[in-house]
């Protein structure tokens, strides 16, 4: 396999890892309003991701950096063409991080309530916009012969991309609900399973429509297999959730995310950003990549650094593996 193909696979792997981890992270943020009934339960939900949320965002930084280094033309066209939605996502991630840290700095109820509201919206908006962004990447956008995006922001709000946004929004909420059921005890655990059932059923309908649309428009044999795995994983996650097997439900919801994102990258390859104006103007793994020398250096650095980062992050999840409940909240006001 040529190095530009290897790096396409690696970047796909980074986005899969990001959506798997940040997916339940966003879902928990959304559930602070949909699931939690009081201050103590909101704190329980936030504490389930407290030790890991910032580590999950490392996958996004790495995916962006890898795209910049391995496929500079892709990076340039993507970040210039999608400037406004990506800026909104970036602002949301900044505010969200501040909200997690600042929420408990003062005891006033209004202070904490405002930061909790910020956590909700800065989780919901990126969860939706990531689906819109990837929907447009797969569908294709207006790219001219100079590999520059010549459309506007309204072109990105097409039915296919908006459906993709609804899929990621509901899928991440479902993923977060099964994670909440896995990580909590008491009444909130049971209600998390009920929320997972409701959001999972909605997700199943939307995901089947979106993935089916994708398969019809751009799919092949490999993407059809990935789609089947995604649908089967989601159904199995719902069954496991109803049986009270939270560990299996979370694993299978993760399988759904992995398979769905894999399908999108399979339908995209060998393009990285198709042009809707002329197929010859599409950005591909060949015309958008860096030199072989650059890719070789990146590959060696990745071979050394990536396993260390993954082991460390895995160790973090192991250390903070225990369930928590309202009885573990010493001071529910904070």
C-alpha atoms as a PDB file:
ATOM      1  CA  UNK A   1       0.000   0.000   0.000  1.00  0.00           C
ATOM      2  CA  UNK A   2       1.342   3.428  -0.947  1.00  0.00           C
ATOM      3  CA  UNK A   3       1.946   5.878   1.867  1.00  0.00           C
ATOM      4  CA  UNK A   4      -0.780   8.323   0.868  1.00  0.00           C
ATOM      5  CA  UNK A   5      -3.257   5.429   1.081  1.00  0.00           C
ATOM      6  CA  UNK A   6      -1.832   4.462   4.462  1.00  0.00           C
ATOM      7  CA  UNK A   7      -2.357   7.972   5.741  1.00  0.00           C
ATOM      8  CA  UNK A   8      -5.899   8.069   4.426  1.00  0.00           C
ATOM      9  CA  UNK A   9      -6.560   4.961   6.521  1.00  0.00           C
ATOM     10  CA  UNK A  10      -4.798   6.469   9.553  1.00  0.00           C
ATOM     11  CA  UNK A  11      -6.796   9.693   9.329  1.00  0.00           C
ATOM     12  CA  UNK A  12      -9.983   7.639   9.039  1.00  0.00           C
ATOM     13  CA  UNK A  13      -8.880   5.741  12.162  1.00  0.00           C
ATOM     14  CA  UNK A  14      -8.346   9.006  14.047  1.00  0.00           C
ATOM     15  CA  UNK A  15     -11.818  10.280  13.139  1.00  0.00           C
ATOM     16  CA  UNK A  16     -13.346   6.945  14.116  1.00  0.00           C
ATOM     17  CA  UNK A  17     -11.594   7.135  17.475  1.00  0.00           C
ATOM     18  CA  UNK A  18     -12.702  10.732  17.964  1.00  0.00           C
ATOM     19  CA  UNK A  19     -16.357  10.046  17.206  1.00  0.00           C
ATOM     20  CA  UNK A  20     -16.347   6.917  19.378  1.00  0.00           C
ATOM     21  CA  UNK A  21     -14.912   8.746  22.398  1.00  0.00           C
ATOM     22  CA  UNK A  22     -16.211  12.262  21.950  1.00  0.00           C
ATOM     23  CA  UNK A  23     -19.531  10.810  20.843  1.00  0.00           C
ATOM     24  CA  UNK A  24     -20.531   9.653  24.325  1.00  0.00           C
ATOM     25  CA  UNK A  25     -18.813  12.766  25.684  1.00  0.00           C
ATOM     26  CA  UNK A  26     -21.170  14.996  23.664  1.00  0.00           C
ATOM     27  CA  UNK A  27     -24.051  12.702  24.545  1.00  0.00           C
ATOM     28  CA  UNK A  28     -23.471  13.161  28.272  1.00  0.00           C
ATOM     29  CA  UNK A  29     -23.401  16.928  27.811  1.00  0.00           C
ATOM     30  CA  UNK A  30     -26.748  16.803  26.001  1.00  0.00           C
ATOM     31  CA  UNK A  31     -28.217  14.519  28.670  1.00  0.00           C
ATOM     32  CA  UNK A  32     -27.417  16.975  31.458  1.00  0.00           C
ATOM     33  CA  UNK A  33     -30.658  18.651  30.412  1.00  0.00           C
ATOM     34  CA  UNK A  34     -32.629  15.704  28.994  1.00  0.00           C
ATOM     35  CA  UNK A  35     -31.896  13.131  31.698  1.00  0.00           C
ATOM     36  CA  UNK A  36     -30.769  14.831  34.926  1.00  0.00           C
ATOM     37  CA  UNK A  37     -33.598  15.909  37.235  1.00  0.00           C
ATOM     38  CA  UNK A  38     -31.660  17.960  39.746  1.00  0.00           C
ATOM     39  CA  UNK A  39     -28.276  19.448  40.608  1.00  0.00           C
ATOM     40  CA  UNK A  40     -26.886  16.229  42.062  1.00  0.00           C
ATOM     41  CA  UNK A  41     -27.759  14.193  38.959  1.00  0.00           C
ATOM     42  CA  UNK A  42     -26.218  16.794  36.653  1.00  0.00           C
ATOM     43  CA  UNK A  43     -23.038  16.558  38.647  1.00  0.00           C
ATOM     44  CA  UNK A  44     -23.138  12.753  38.460  1.00  0.00           C
ATOM     45  CA  UNK A  45     -23.374  12.906  34.668  1.00  0.00           C
ATOM     46  CA  UNK A  46     -20.595  15.473  34.382  1.00  0.00           C
ATOM     47  CA  UNK A  47     -18.394  13.418  36.701  1.00  0.00           C
ATOM     48  CA  UNK A  48     -18.737  10.340  34.484  1.00  0.00           C
ATOM     49  CA  UNK A  49     -16.699  12.139  31.823  1.00  0.00           C
ATOM     50  CA  UNK A  50     -14.789  14.521  34.111  1.00  0.00           C
ATOM     51  CA  UNK A  51     -11.480  12.611  34.031  1.00  0.00           C
ATOM     52  CA  UNK A  52     -11.554  11.820  30.294  1.00  0.00           C
ATOM     53  CA  UNK A  53     -13.316  14.503  28.235  1.00  0.00           C
ATOM     54  CA  UNK A  54     -10.172  16.522  27.522  1.00  0.00           C
ATOM     55  CA  UNK A  55      -8.236  13.392  26.525  1.00  0.00           C
ATOM     56  CA  UNK A  56     -10.964  12.531  24.027  1.00  0.00           C
ATOM     57  CA  UNK A  57     -10.363  15.821  22.224  1.00  0.00           C
ATOM     58  CA  UNK A  58      -6.741  14.859  21.590  1.00  0.00           C
ATOM     59  CA  UNK A  59      -8.054  12.641  18.787  1.00  0.00           C
ATOM     60  CA  UNK A  60      -9.518  15.693  17.048  1.00  0.00           C
ATOM     61  CA  UNK A  61      -6.290  17.668  17.350  1.00  0.00           C
ATOM     62  CA  UNK A  62      -4.323  14.713  16.010  1.00  0.00           C
ATOM     63  CA  UNK A  63      -6.739  14.186  13.106  1.00  0.00           C
ATOM     64  CA  UNK A  64      -6.490  17.854  12.154  1.00  0.00           C
ATOM     65  CA  UNK A  65      -2.713  17.898  12.452  1.00  0.00           C
ATOM     66  CA  UNK A  66      -2.350  14.686  10.454  1.00  0.00           C
ATOM     67  CA  UNK A  67      -4.564  16.070   7.697  1.00  0.00           C
ATOM     68  CA  UNK A  68      -2.502  19.272   7.571  1.00  0.00           C
ATOM     69  CA  UNK A  69       0.772  17.360   7.286  1.00  0.00           C
ATOM     70  CA  UNK A  70      -0.285  14.431   5.077  1.00  0.00           C
ATOM     71  CA  UNK A  71      -2.849  16.118   2.804  1.00  0.00           C
ATOM     72  CA  UNK A  72      -2.227  19.891   2.819  1.00  0.00           C
ATOM     73  CA  UNK A  73      -4.501  20.519  -0.191  1.00  0.00           C
ATOM     74  CA  UNK A  74      -7.350  18.726   1.566  1.00  0.00           C
ATOM     75  CA  UNK A  75      -6.723  20.679   4.756  1.00  0.00           C
ATOM     76  CA  UNK A  76      -6.604  24.015   2.937  1.00  0.00           C
ATOM     77  CA  UNK A  77      -9.784  23.452   0.927  1.00  0.00           C
ATOM     78  CA  UNK A  78     -11.662  21.935   3.864  1.00  0.00           C
ATOM     79  CA  UNK A  79     -10.831  24.639   6.403  1.00  0.00           C
ATOM     80  CA  UNK A  80     -11.368  27.517   3.986  1.00  0.00           C
ATOM     81  CA  UNK A  81     -14.599  26.168   2.525  1.00  0.00           C
ATOM     82  CA  UNK A  82     -16.042  25.040   5.856  1.00  0.00           C
ATOM     83  CA  UNK A  83     -14.658  28.001   7.760  1.00  0.00           C
ATOM     84  CA  UNK A  84     -17.868  29.143   9.475  1.00  0.00           C
ATOM     85  CA  UNK A  85     -19.157  25.761  10.734  1.00  0.00           C
ATOM     86  CA  UNK A  86     -15.666  24.722  11.841  1.00  0.00           C
ATOM     87  CA  UNK A  87     -15.250  28.053  13.634  1.00  0.00           C
ATOM     88  CA  UNK A  88     -18.556  27.481  15.426  1.00  0.00           C
ATOM     89  CA  UNK A  89     -17.374  24.003  16.468  1.00  0.00           C
ATOM     90  CA  UNK A  90     -14.067  25.406  17.710  1.00  0.00           C
ATOM     91  CA  UNK A  91     -15.771  28.134  19.750  1.00  0.00           C
ATOM     92  CA  UNK A  92     -18.149  25.558  21.228  1.00  0.00           C
ATOM     93  CA  UNK A  93     -15.270  23.282  22.242  1.00  0.00           C
ATOM     94  CA  UNK A  94     -13.466  26.190  23.906  1.00  0.00           C
ATOM     95  CA  UNK A  95     -16.552  27.326  25.831  1.00  0.00           C
ATOM     96  CA  UNK A  96     -17.364  23.722  26.729  1.00  0.00           C
ATOM     97  CA  UNK A  97     -13.938  23.160  28.256  1.00  0.00           C
ATOM     98  CA  UNK A  98     -14.189  26.391  30.225  1.00  0.00           C
ATOM     99  CA  UNK A  99     -17.686  25.420  31.406  1.00  0.00           C
ATOM    100  CA  UNK A 100     -16.484  22.098  32.829  1.00  0.00           C
ATOM    101  CA  UNK A 101     -13.730  23.830  34.777  1.00  0.00           C
ATOM    102  CA  UNK A 102     -15.512  27.026  35.850  1.00  0.00           C
ATOM    103  CA  UNK A 103     -18.892  25.597  36.830  1.00  0.00           C
ATOM    104  CA  UNK A 104     -17.777  24.779  40.396  1.00  0.00           C
ATOM    105  CA  UNK A 105     -15.643  27.868  40.974  1.00  0.00           C
ATOM    106  CA  UNK A 106     -18.507  29.797  42.592  1.00  0.00           C
ATOM    107  CA  UNK A 107     -21.425  28.554  44.734  1.00  0.00           C
ATOM    108  CA  UNK A 108     -24.167  30.791  43.303  1.00  0.00           C
ATOM    109  CA  UNK A 109     -26.973  28.835  41.664  1.00  0.00           C
ATOM    110  CA  UNK A 110     -27.224  31.232  38.708  1.00  0.00           C
ATOM    111  CA  UNK A 111     -23.480  30.884  38.015  1.00  0.00           C
ATOM    112  CA  UNK A 112     -23.652  27.103  37.952  1.00  0.00           C
ATOM    113  CA  UNK A 113     -26.903  27.031  35.977  1.00  0.00           C
ATOM    114  CA  UNK A 114     -25.432  29.262  33.252  1.00  0.00           C
ATOM    115  CA  UNK A 115     -22.383  27.039  32.847  1.00  0.00           C
ATOM    116  CA  UNK A 116     -24.604  23.948  32.768  1.00  0.00           C
ATOM    117  CA  UNK A 117     -26.596  25.554  29.980  1.00  0.00           C
ATOM    118  CA  UNK A 118     -23.338  26.218  28.150  1.00  0.00           C
ATOM    119  CA  UNK A 119     -22.343  22.545  28.498  1.00  0.00           C
ATOM    120  CA  UNK A 120     -25.661  21.475  26.970  1.00  0.00           C
ATOM    121  CA  UNK A 121     -25.530  23.762  23.933  1.00  0.00           C
ATOM    122  CA  UNK A 122     -21.801  23.358  23.284  1.00  0.00           C
ATOM    123  CA  UNK A 123     -22.322  19.598  23.244  1.00  0.00           C
ATOM    124  CA  UNK A 124     -25.436  19.648  21.048  1.00  0.00           C
ATOM    125  CA  UNK A 125     -24.184  22.069  18.384  1.00  0.00           C
ATOM    126  CA  UNK A 126     -20.907  20.262  17.536  1.00  0.00           C
ATOM    127  CA  UNK A 127     -22.687  16.889  17.634  1.00  0.00           C
ATOM    128  CA  UNK A 128     -24.953  18.177  14.863  1.00  0.00           C
ATOM    129  CA  UNK A 129     -22.370  20.130  12.867  1.00  0.00           C
ATOM    130  CA  UNK A 130     -19.897  17.259  12.621  1.00  0.00           C
ATOM    131  CA  UNK A 131     -22.546  15.245  10.810  1.00  0.00           C
ATOM    132  CA  UNK A 132     -23.265  18.173   8.491  1.00  0.00           C
ATOM    133  CA  UNK A 133     -19.553  18.566   7.746  1.00  0.00           C
ATOM    134  CA  UNK A 134     -18.935  14.904   6.973  1.00  0.00           C
ATOM    135  CA  UNK A 135     -22.128  14.710   4.961  1.00  0.00           C
ATOM    136  CA  UNK A 136     -20.788  17.448   2.700  1.00  0.00           C
ATOM    137  CA  UNK A 137     -17.344  15.855   2.468  1.00  0.00           C
ATOM    138  CA  UNK A 138     -18.867  12.578   1.272  1.00  0.00           C
ATOM    139  CA  UNK A 139     -21.492  14.168  -0.988  1.00  0.00           C
ATOM    140  CA  UNK A 140     -19.044  16.600  -2.515  1.00  0.00           C
ATOM    141  CA  UNK A 141     -18.893  20.385  -2.688  1.00  0.00           C
ATOM    142  CA  UNK A 142     -18.209  23.093  -5.260  1.00  0.00           C
ATOM    143  CA  UNK A 143     -14.460  22.844  -5.931  1.00  0.00           C
ATOM    144  CA  UNK A 144     -12.961  24.509  -8.989  1.00  0.00           C
ATOM    145  CA  UNK A 145      -9.960  23.621 -11.139  1.00  0.00           C
ATOM    146  CA  UNK A 146      -7.632  25.328  -8.639  1.00  0.00           C
ATOM    147  CA  UNK A 147      -8.912  23.028  -5.865  1.00  0.00           C
ATOM    148  CA  UNK A 148     -10.612  25.954  -4.137  1.00  0.00           C
ATOM    149  CA  UNK A 149     -14.089  25.907  -2.638  1.00  0.00           C
ATOM    150  CA  UNK A 150     -16.286  28.329  -4.589  1.00  0.00           C
ATOM    151  CA  UNK A 151     -19.632  27.748  -2.871  1.00  0.00           C
ATOM    152  CA  UNK A 152     -21.069  29.488   0.172  1.00  0.00           C
ATOM    153  CA  UNK A 153     -22.238  28.416   3.593  1.00  0.00           C
ATOM    154  CA  UNK A 154     -25.808  27.885   2.385  1.00  0.00           C
ATOM    155  CA  UNK A 155     -24.613  25.236  -0.059  1.00  0.00           C
ATOM    156  CA  UNK A 156     -23.507  23.196   2.951  1.00  0.00           C
ATOM    157  CA  UNK A 157     -27.053  23.140   4.350  1.00  0.00           C
ATOM    158  CA  UNK A 158     -28.397  20.616   1.851  1.00  0.00           C
ATOM    159  CA  UNK A 159     -30.863  17.829   2.773  1.00  0.00           C
ATOM    160  CA  UNK A 160     -28.259  15.048   2.748  1.00  0.00           C
ATOM    161  CA  UNK A 161     -25.854  16.904   5.043  1.00  0.00           C
ATOM    162  CA  UNK A 162     -28.631  18.035   7.392  1.00  0.00           C
ATOM    163  CA  UNK A 163     -29.794  14.425   7.670  1.00  0.00           C
ATOM    164  CA  UNK A 164     -26.202  13.486   8.494  1.00  0.00           C
ATOM    165  CA  UNK A 165     -26.238  16.093  11.242  1.00  0.00           C
ATOM    166  CA  UNK A 166     -29.406  14.632  12.753  1.00  0.00           C
ATOM    167  CA  UNK A 167     -27.852  11.162  12.646  1.00  0.00           C
ATOM    168  CA  UNK A 168     -24.708  12.187  14.542  1.00  0.00           C
ATOM    169  CA  UNK A 169     -26.786  14.198  17.016  1.00  0.00           C
ATOM    170  CA  UNK A 170     -29.110  11.311  17.874  1.00  0.00           C
ATOM    171  CA  UNK A 171     -26.402   8.651  17.649  1.00  0.00           C
ATOM    172  CA  UNK A 172     -24.106  10.519  20.038  1.00  0.00           C
ATOM    173  CA  UNK A 173     -27.018  11.087  22.422  1.00  0.00           C
ATOM    174  CA  UNK A 174     -27.794   7.353  22.345  1.00  0.00           C
ATOM    175  CA  UNK A 175     -24.099   6.544  22.846  1.00  0.00           C
ATOM    176  CA  UNK A 176     -24.026   8.917  25.809  1.00  0.00           C
ATOM    177  CA  UNK A 177     -27.172   7.384  27.308  1.00  0.00           C
ATOM    178  CA  UNK A 178     -25.764   3.856  27.285  1.00  0.00           C
ATOM    179  CA  UNK A 179     -22.505   5.222  28.710  1.00  0.00           C
ATOM    180  CA  UNK A 180     -24.496   6.922  31.487  1.00  0.00           C
ATOM    181  CA  UNK A 181     -26.257   3.630  32.230  1.00  0.00           C
ATOM    182  CA  UNK A 182     -22.879   1.892  32.323  1.00  0.00           C
ATOM    183  CA  UNK A 183     -21.273   4.439  34.655  1.00  0.00           C
ATOM    184  CA  UNK A 184     -24.045   5.239  37.145  1.00  0.00           C
ATOM    185  CA  UNK A 185     -26.036   3.573  39.906  1.00  0.00           C
ATOM    186  CA  UNK A 186     -29.484   4.185  41.329  1.00  0.00           C
ATOM    187  CA  UNK A 187     -32.523   5.744  39.694  1.00  0.00           C
ATOM    188  CA  UNK A 188     -30.562   7.634  37.072  1.00  0.00           C
ATOM    189  CA  UNK A 189     -29.198   4.349  35.734  1.00  0.00           C
ATOM    190  CA  UNK A 190     -32.681   3.027  34.969  1.00  0.00           C
ATOM    191  CA  UNK A 191     -33.793   6.292  33.388  1.00  0.00           C
ATOM    192  CA  UNK A 192     -30.621   6.329  31.282  1.00  0.00           C
ATOM    193  CA  UNK A 193     -31.628   2.945  29.827  1.00  0.00           C
ATOM    194  CA  UNK A 194     -35.100   4.294  29.048  1.00  0.00           C
ATOM    195  CA  UNK A 195     -33.585   7.350  27.359  1.00  0.00           C
ATOM    196  CA  UNK A 196     -31.249   5.096  25.403  1.00  0.00           C
ATOM    197  CA  UNK A 197     -34.222   3.110  24.111  1.00  0.00           C
ATOM    198  CA  UNK A 198     -36.075   6.211  22.920  1.00  0.00           C
ATOM    199  CA  UNK A 199     -33.078   7.885  21.317  1.00  0.00           C
ATOM    200  CA  UNK A 200     -31.879   4.578  19.869  1.00  0.00           C
ATOM    201  CA  UNK A 201     -35.143   3.996  18.021  1.00  0.00           C
ATOM    202  CA  UNK A 202     -35.035   7.499  16.560  1.00  0.00           C
ATOM    203  CA  UNK A 203     -31.393   6.982  15.620  1.00  0.00           C
ATOM    204  CA  UNK A 204     -32.184   3.691  13.881  1.00  0.00           C
ATOM    205  CA  UNK A 205     -34.716   5.344  11.566  1.00  0.00           C
ATOM    206  CA  UNK A 206     -32.484   8.315  10.730  1.00  0.00           C
ATOM    207  CA  UNK A 207     -29.311   6.235  10.354  1.00  0.00           C
ATOM    208  CA  UNK A 208     -30.979   3.723   8.041  1.00  0.00           C
ATOM    209  CA  UNK A 209     -32.185   6.572   5.821  1.00  0.00           C
ATOM    210  CA  UNK A 210     -28.805   8.337   5.772  1.00  0.00           C
ATOM    211  CA  UNK A 211     -26.642   5.243   5.279  1.00  0.00           C
ATOM    212  CA  UNK A 212     -29.055   3.871   2.692  1.00  0.00           C
ATOM    213  CA  UNK A 213     -28.917   7.173   0.796  1.00  0.00           C
ATOM    214  CA  UNK A 214     -25.115   7.082   0.969  1.00  0.00           C
ATOM    215  CA  UNK A 215     -24.991   3.500  -0.288  1.00  0.00           C
ATOM    216  CA  UNK A 216     -27.296   4.211  -3.210  1.00  0.00           C
ATOM    217  CA  UNK A 217     -25.368   7.316  -4.277  1.00  0.00           C
ATOM    218  CA  UNK A 218     -21.757   6.224  -3.778  1.00  0.00           C
ATOM    219  CA  UNK A 219     -21.579   2.789  -2.203  1.00  0.00           C
ATOM    220  CA  UNK A 220     -19.975  -0.489  -3.225  1.00  0.00           C
ATOM    221  CA  UNK A 221     -19.601  -3.961  -1.795  1.00  0.00           C
ATOM    222  CA  UNK A 222     -17.314  -2.988   1.090  1.00  0.00           C
ATOM    223  CA  UNK A 223     -19.465  -0.038   2.147  1.00  0.00           C
ATOM    224  CA  UNK A 224     -22.559  -2.273   2.045  1.00  0.00           C
ATOM    225  CA  UNK A 225     -20.890  -4.643   4.521  1.00  0.00           C
ATOM    226  CA  UNK A 226     -19.979  -1.700   6.780  1.00  0.00           C
ATOM    227  CA  UNK A 227     -23.561  -0.443   6.597  1.00  0.00           C
ATOM    228  CA  UNK A 228     -24.898  -3.868   7.557  1.00  0.00           C
ATOM    229  CA  UNK A 229     -22.532  -4.002  10.542  1.00  0.00           C
ATOM    230  CA  UNK A 230     -23.622  -0.511  11.647  1.00  0.00           C
ATOM    231  CA  UNK A 231     -27.325  -1.360  11.473  1.00  0.00           C
ATOM    232  CA  UNK A 232     -26.847  -4.740  13.157  1.00  0.00           C
ATOM    233  CA  UNK A 233     -24.709  -3.134  15.864  1.00  0.00           C
ATOM    234  CA  UNK A 234     -27.374  -0.543  16.627  1.00  0.00           C
ATOM    235  CA  UNK A 235     -30.149  -3.130  16.826  1.00  0.00           C
ATOM    236  CA  UNK A 236     -28.019  -5.368  19.042  1.00  0.00           C
ATOM    237  CA  UNK A 237     -27.157  -2.385  21.269  1.00  0.00           C
ATOM    238  CA  UNK A 238     -30.868  -1.705  21.777  1.00  0.00           C
ATOM    239  CA  UNK A 239     -31.501  -5.354  22.655  1.00  0.00           C
ATOM    240  CA  UNK A 240     -28.597  -5.391  25.114  1.00  0.00           C
ATOM    241  CA  UNK A 241     -29.818  -2.151  26.645  1.00  0.00           C
ATOM    242  CA  UNK A 242     -33.284  -3.616  27.238  1.00  0.00           C
ATOM    243  CA  UNK A 243     -31.688  -6.682  28.825  1.00  0.00           C
ATOM    244  CA  UNK A 244     -29.754  -4.476  31.248  1.00  0.00           C
ATOM    245  CA  UNK A 245     -26.388  -5.442  29.763  1.00  0.00           C
ATOM    246  CA  UNK A 246     -24.904  -1.960  29.753  1.00  0.00           C
ATOM    247  CA  UNK A 247     -21.376  -3.050  28.938  1.00  0.00           C
ATOM    248  CA  UNK A 248     -22.483  -4.874  25.806  1.00  0.00           C
ATOM    249  CA  UNK A 249     -24.839  -2.077  24.863  1.00  0.00           C
ATOM    250  CA  UNK A 250     -22.055   0.505  25.047  1.00  0.00           C
ATOM    251  CA  UNK A 251     -19.669  -1.739  23.105  1.00  0.00           C
ATOM    252  CA  UNK A 252     -22.237  -2.330  20.384  1.00  0.00           C
ATOM    253  CA  UNK A 253     -23.173   1.343  20.124  1.00  0.00           C
ATOM    254  CA  UNK A 254     -19.453   1.934  19.646  1.00  0.00           C
ATOM    255  CA  UNK A 255     -19.419  -0.705  16.905  1.00  0.00           C
ATOM    256  CA  UNK A 256     -22.228   1.223  15.214  1.00  0.00           C
ATOM    257  CA  UNK A 257     -20.173   4.415  15.208  1.00  0.00           C
ATOM    258  CA  UNK A 258     -17.040   2.633  14.000  1.00  0.00           C
ATOM    259  CA  UNK A 259     -18.887   0.887  11.163  1.00  0.00           C
ATOM    260  CA  UNK A 260     -20.848   3.982  10.104  1.00  0.00           C
ATOM    261  CA  UNK A 261     -17.774   6.226   9.910  1.00  0.00           C
ATOM    262  CA  UNK A 262     -15.855   3.431   8.166  1.00  0.00           C
ATOM    263  CA  UNK A 263     -18.618   3.279   5.585  1.00  0.00           C
ATOM    264  CA  UNK A 264     -18.341   7.016   4.930  1.00  0.00           C
ATOM    265  CA  UNK A 265     -14.596   6.776   4.334  1.00  0.00           C
ATOM    266  CA  UNK A 266     -15.035   3.707   2.115  1.00  0.00           C
ATOM    267  CA  UNK A 267     -17.497   5.592  -0.077  1.00  0.00           C
ATOM    268  CA  UNK A 268     -15.148   8.587  -0.144  1.00  0.00           C
ATOM    269  CA  UNK A 269     -11.941   6.780  -1.206  1.00  0.00           C
ATOM    270  CA  UNK A 270      -9.917   7.501  -3.362  1.00  0.00           C
ATOM    271  CA  UNK A 271     -11.313  11.028  -3.108  1.00  0.00           C
ATOM    272  CA  UNK A 272     -10.830  13.120  -0.022  1.00  0.00           C
ATOM    273  CA  UNK A 273     -13.170  15.903  -1.209  1.00  0.00           C
ATOM    274  CA  UNK A 274     -15.198  15.272  -4.365  1.00  0.00           C
ATOM    275  CA  UNK A 275     -16.063  18.196  -6.611  1.00  0.00           C
ATOM    276  CA  UNK A 276     -19.694  18.560  -7.667  1.00  0.00           C
ATOM    277  CA  UNK A 277     -18.651  20.851 -10.523  1.00  0.00           C
ATOM    278  CA  UNK A 278     -16.319  18.453 -12.323  1.00  0.00           C
ATOM    279  CA  UNK A 279     -15.048  15.035 -11.237  1.00  0.00           C
ATOM    280  CA  UNK A 280     -11.595  15.912 -12.579  1.00  0.00           C
ATOM    281  CA  UNK A 281     -11.399  18.751 -10.046  1.00  0.00           C
ATOM    282  CA  UNK A 282     -11.922  16.451  -7.067  1.00  0.00           C
ATOM    283  CA  UNK A 283      -9.244  16.248  -4.393  1.00  0.00           C
ATOM    284  CA  UNK A 284      -7.875  12.719  -4.164  1.00  0.00           C
ATOM    285  CA  UNK A 285      -5.357  10.880  -1.997  1.00  0.00           C
ATOM    286  CA  UNK A 286      -2.864  11.407  -4.840  1.00  0.00           C
ATOM    287  CA  UNK A 287      -3.213  15.058  -5.823  1.00  0.00           C
ATOM    288  CA  UNK A 288      -3.818  16.308  -2.254  1.00  0.00           C
ATOM    289  CA  UNK A 289      -0.972  14.491  -0.482  1.00  0.00           C
ATOM    290  CA  UNK A 290       2.423  15.619   0.730  1.00  0.00           C
ATOM    291  CA  UNK A 291       5.689  14.224  -0.625  1.00  0.00           C
ATOM    292  CA  UNK A 292       6.725  10.634   0.075  1.00  0.00           C
ATOM    293  CA  UNK A 293       9.600  11.909   2.236  1.00  0.00           C
ATOM    294  CA  UNK A 294       7.184  13.829   4.480  1.00  0.00           C
ATOM    295  CA  UNK A 295       4.878  10.828   4.742  1.00  0.00           C
ATOM    296  CA  UNK A 296       7.785   8.533   5.646  1.00  0.00           C
ATOM    297  CA  UNK A 297       8.870  10.797   8.519  1.00  0.00           C
ATOM    298  CA  UNK A 298       5.280  11.029   9.748  1.00  0.00           C
ATOM    299  CA  UNK A 299       4.889   7.258   9.589  1.00  0.00           C
ATOM    300  CA  UNK A 300       7.946   6.580  11.756  1.00  0.00           C
ATOM    301  CA  UNK A 301       6.893   9.186  14.313  1.00  0.00           C
ATOM    302  CA  UNK A 302       3.412   7.670  14.444  1.00  0.00           C
ATOM    303  CA  UNK A 303       4.748   4.145  14.922  1.00  0.00           C
ATOM    304  CA  UNK A 304       6.676   5.364  17.982  1.00  0.00           C
ATOM    305  CA  UNK A 305       4.210   7.792  19.562  1.00  0.00           C
ATOM    306  CA  UNK A 306       0.734   6.398  18.825  1.00  0.00           C
ATOM    307  CA  UNK A 307       0.978   3.206  20.923  1.00  0.00           C
ATOM    308  CA  UNK A 308       2.192   5.191  23.949  1.00  0.00           C
ATOM    309  CA  UNK A 309      -0.704   7.654  23.725  1.00  0.00           C
ATOM    310  CA  UNK A 310      -3.273   4.862  23.311  1.00  0.00           C
ATOM    311  CA  UNK A 311      -1.881   2.877  26.244  1.00  0.00           C
ATOM    312  CA  UNK A 312      -1.939   5.948  28.466  1.00  0.00           C
ATOM    313  CA  UNK A 313      -5.514   6.811  27.520  1.00  0.00           C
ATOM    314  CA  UNK A 314      -6.609   3.217  28.041  1.00  0.00           C
ATOM    315  CA  UNK A 315      -5.007   3.264  31.490  1.00  0.00           C
ATOM    316  CA  UNK A 316      -6.959   6.444  32.314  1.00  0.00           C
ATOM    317  CA  UNK A 317     -10.251   4.756  31.514  1.00  0.00           C
ATOM    318  CA  UNK A 318      -9.259   1.750  33.612  1.00  0.00           C
ATOM    319  CA  UNK A 319      -8.425   3.893  36.637  1.00  0.00           C
ATOM    320  CA  UNK A 320     -11.775   5.711  36.473  1.00  0.00           C
ATOM    321  CA  UNK A 321     -13.868   2.644  35.629  1.00  0.00           C
ATOM    322  CA  UNK A 322     -16.134   2.622  38.715  1.00  0.00           C
ATOM    323  CA  UNK A 323     -19.810   3.575  38.729  1.00  0.00           C
ATOM    324  CA  UNK A 324     -20.989   6.686  40.565  1.00  0.00           C
ATOM    325  CA  UNK A 325     -24.323   7.906  41.910  1.00  0.00           C
ATOM    326  CA  UNK A 326     -25.857  10.757  43.842  1.00  0.00           C
ATOM    327  CA  UNK A 327     -24.683   9.160  47.092  1.00  0.00           C
ATOM    328  CA  UNK A 328     -21.117   9.870  45.999  1.00  0.00           C
ATOM    329  CA  UNK A 329     -21.803  13.592  45.670  1.00  0.00           C
ATOM    330  CA  UNK A 330     -20.578  15.128  48.918  1.00  0.00           C
ATOM    331  CA  UNK A 331     -22.123  18.543  48.283  1.00  0.00           C
ATOM    332  CA  UNK A 332     -24.936  18.461  45.678  1.00  0.00           C
ATOM    333  CA  UNK A 333     -24.961  22.263  45.488  1.00  0.00           C
ATOM    334  CA  UNK A 334     -21.565  22.301  43.710  1.00  0.00           C
END
